[in-house]
Amino acid sequence: MTKNQKLVTLSTTVKDSLGYLPNCTAEQIPLVAKKTVPHSSAPKVFWNHFVNFVNEKL
């Protein structure tokens, strides 16, 4: 995921008539990544969770 990459578009039921949500048209709000997140693998994520569990719970 890279910075400013569009992730999804959020649909709302209430229009922003006051202008608090920039870059929005009617009831659609684009959600974009605030920062770049490096790619990870499943074993690495599992290992990190396991190590955190051992360090915090045991």
N, C-alpha and C. Protein backbone atom coordinates (compact mmCIF):
# COMPACT_ATOMS: atom_id res chain seq x y z
N MET A 1 0.85 -1.15 0.00
CA MET A 1 0.00 0.00 0.00
C MET A 1 0.91 1.22 0.00
N THR A 2 0.62 2.15 -0.88
CA THR A 2 1.45 3.34 -0.97
C THR A 2 0.67 4.57 -0.52
N LYS A 3 1.42 5.61 -0.17
CA LYS A 3 0.81 6.86 0.30
C LYS A 3 -0.10 7.42 -0.79
N ASN A 4 -1.25 7.90 -0.39
CA ASN A 4 -2.27 8.50 -1.26
C ASN A 4 -2.95 7.50 -2.19
N GLN A 5 -2.77 6.20 -1.97
CA GLN A 5 -3.46 5.19 -2.77
C GLN A 5 -4.91 5.12 -2.34
N LYS A 6 -5.83 5.15 -3.30
CA LYS A 6 -7.26 5.07 -2.99
C LYS A 6 -7.57 3.64 -2.57
N LEU A 7 -8.18 3.49 -1.39
CA LEU A 7 -8.49 2.17 -0.87
C LEU A 7 -9.93 1.79 -1.20
N VAL A 8 -10.87 2.60 -0.76
CA VAL A 8 -12.29 2.36 -1.00
C VAL A 8 -13.01 3.69 -1.07
N THR A 9 -14.27 3.65 -1.46
CA THR A 9 -15.12 4.82 -1.41
C THR A 9 -16.24 4.54 -0.42
N LEU A 10 -16.37 5.42 0.55
CA LEU A 10 -17.38 5.28 1.59
C LEU A 10 -18.66 5.96 1.13
N SER A 11 -19.76 5.24 1.19
CA SER A 11 -21.06 5.81 0.83
C SER A 11 -21.80 6.18 2.10
N THR A 12 -22.34 7.40 2.14
CA THR A 12 -23.06 7.85 3.32
C THR A 12 -24.52 8.12 2.97
N THR A 13 -25.32 8.25 4.00
CA THR A 13 -26.73 8.56 3.78
C THR A 13 -27.03 10.03 4.07
N VAL A 14 -26.04 10.74 4.64
CA VAL A 14 -26.22 12.15 4.97
C VAL A 14 -25.26 12.98 4.13
N LYS A 15 -25.76 13.99 3.45
CA LYS A 15 -24.91 14.85 2.64
C LYS A 15 -24.17 15.85 3.54
N ASP A 16 -22.94 16.21 3.15
CA ASP A 16 -22.13 17.17 3.88
C ASP A 16 -22.45 18.57 3.37
N SER A 17 -23.50 19.18 3.88
CA SER A 17 -23.92 20.49 3.40
C SER A 17 -23.10 21.63 3.98
N LEU A 18 -22.30 21.36 5.03
CA LEU A 18 -21.50 22.40 5.66
C LEU A 18 -20.07 22.47 5.12
N GLY A 19 -19.65 21.49 4.34
CA GLY A 19 -18.32 21.52 3.75
C GLY A 19 -17.20 21.04 4.64
N TYR A 20 -17.47 20.17 5.61
CA TYR A 20 -16.43 19.67 6.50
C TYR A 20 -15.60 18.55 5.88
N LEU A 21 -16.10 17.91 4.85
CA LEU A 21 -15.39 16.79 4.23
C LEU A 21 -14.84 17.22 2.88
N PRO A 22 -13.53 17.51 2.78
CA PRO A 22 -12.95 17.97 1.51
C PRO A 22 -12.90 16.86 0.47
N ASN A 23 -12.92 17.23 -0.79
CA ASN A 23 -12.82 16.31 -1.93
C ASN A 23 -13.96 15.29 -1.96
N CYS A 24 -15.11 15.67 -1.49
CA CYS A 24 -16.25 14.76 -1.46
C CYS A 24 -17.34 15.29 -2.39
N THR A 25 -17.96 14.39 -3.09
CA THR A 25 -19.07 14.77 -3.94
C THR A 25 -20.32 14.06 -3.43
N ALA A 26 -21.30 14.83 -3.07
CA ALA A 26 -22.59 14.33 -2.59
C ALA A 26 -22.39 13.34 -1.45
N GLU A 27 -22.63 12.06 -1.68
CA GLU A 27 -22.62 11.06 -0.63
C GLU A 27 -21.46 10.08 -0.76
N GLN A 28 -20.43 10.42 -1.50
CA GLN A 28 -19.27 9.54 -1.71
C GLN A 28 -18.03 10.17 -1.08
N ILE A 29 -17.33 9.42 -0.23
CA ILE A 29 -16.12 9.91 0.42
C ILE A 29 -14.99 8.94 0.10
N PRO A 30 -13.96 9.38 -0.65
CA PRO A 30 -12.83 8.48 -0.94
C PRO A 30 -11.93 8.33 0.28
N LEU A 31 -11.55 7.08 0.59
CA LEU A 31 -10.62 6.82 1.69
C LEU A 31 -9.28 6.46 1.08
N VAL A 32 -8.24 7.20 1.45
CA VAL A 32 -6.91 6.99 0.89
C VAL A 32 -5.91 6.70 2.01
N ALA A 33 -4.80 6.05 1.65
CA ALA A 33 -3.77 5.71 2.61
C ALA A 33 -3.01 6.98 3.03
N LYS A 34 -2.82 7.15 4.31
CA LYS A 34 -2.12 8.33 4.82
C LYS A 34 -0.61 8.18 4.68
N LYS A 35 -0.11 6.93 4.76
CA LYS A 35 1.32 6.69 4.61
C LYS A 35 1.55 5.35 3.93
N THR A 36 2.77 5.14 3.46
CA THR A 36 3.13 3.89 2.80
C THR A 36 3.34 2.81 3.85
N VAL A 37 2.78 1.62 3.59
CA VAL A 37 2.92 0.48 4.49
C VAL A 37 3.61 -0.63 3.71
N PRO A 38 4.75 -1.14 4.21
CA PRO A 38 5.45 -2.18 3.48
C PRO A 38 4.69 -3.50 3.47
N HIS A 39 4.90 -4.28 2.42
CA HIS A 39 4.27 -5.59 2.27
C HIS A 39 4.85 -6.55 3.30
N SER A 40 4.02 -7.43 3.84
CA SER A 40 4.48 -8.41 4.82
C SER A 40 3.96 -9.78 4.42
N SER A 41 4.55 -10.82 4.98
CA SER A 41 4.12 -12.19 4.69
C SER A 41 3.38 -12.76 5.90
N ALA A 42 2.57 -13.77 5.68
CA ALA A 42 1.79 -14.39 6.75
C ALA A 42 2.67 -14.96 7.86
N PRO A 43 3.75 -15.70 7.53
CA PRO A 43 4.61 -16.22 8.61
C PRO A 43 5.23 -15.12 9.47
N LYS A 44 5.61 -14.02 8.85
CA LYS A 44 6.21 -12.91 9.60
C LYS A 44 5.18 -12.29 10.54
N VAL A 45 3.95 -12.10 10.07
CA VAL A 45 2.89 -11.55 10.93
C VAL A 45 2.61 -12.49 12.09
N PHE A 46 2.51 -13.80 11.80
CA PHE A 46 2.27 -14.79 12.86
C PHE A 46 3.40 -14.74 13.89
N TRP A 47 4.64 -14.74 13.42
CA TRP A 47 5.79 -14.73 14.32
C TRP A 47 5.77 -13.49 15.21
N ASN A 48 5.49 -12.33 14.64
CA ASN A 48 5.45 -11.09 15.43
C ASN A 48 4.37 -11.15 16.50
N HIS A 49 3.19 -11.69 16.15
CA HIS A 49 2.12 -11.82 17.14
C HIS A 49 2.52 -12.80 18.23
N PHE A 50 3.17 -13.90 17.84
CA PHE A 50 3.61 -14.91 18.82
C PHE A 50 4.63 -14.32 19.79
N VAL A 51 5.61 -13.60 19.27
CA VAL A 51 6.65 -13.00 20.12
C VAL A 51 6.03 -11.98 21.06
N ASN A 52 5.12 -11.15 20.56
CA ASN A 52 4.44 -10.18 21.42
C ASN A 52 3.63 -10.86 22.50
N PHE A 53 2.96 -11.94 22.15
CA PHE A 53 2.17 -12.69 23.14
C PHE A 53 3.08 -13.24 24.24
N VAL A 54 4.18 -13.86 23.85
CA VAL A 54 5.11 -14.44 24.83
C VAL A 54 5.68 -13.34 25.74
N ASN A 55 6.06 -12.22 25.16
CA ASN A 55 6.66 -11.15 25.96
C ASN A 55 5.67 -10.48 26.89
N GLU A 56 4.41 -10.38 26.48
CA GLU A 56 3.42 -9.66 27.29
C GLU A 56 2.63 -10.55 28.24
N LYS A 57 2.35 -11.79 27.85
CA LYS A 57 1.45 -12.63 28.64
C LYS A 57 2.17 -13.66 29.50
N LEU A 58 3.38 -14.04 29.13
CA LEU A 58 4.07 -15.10 29.88
C LEU A 58 5.17 -14.56 30.75
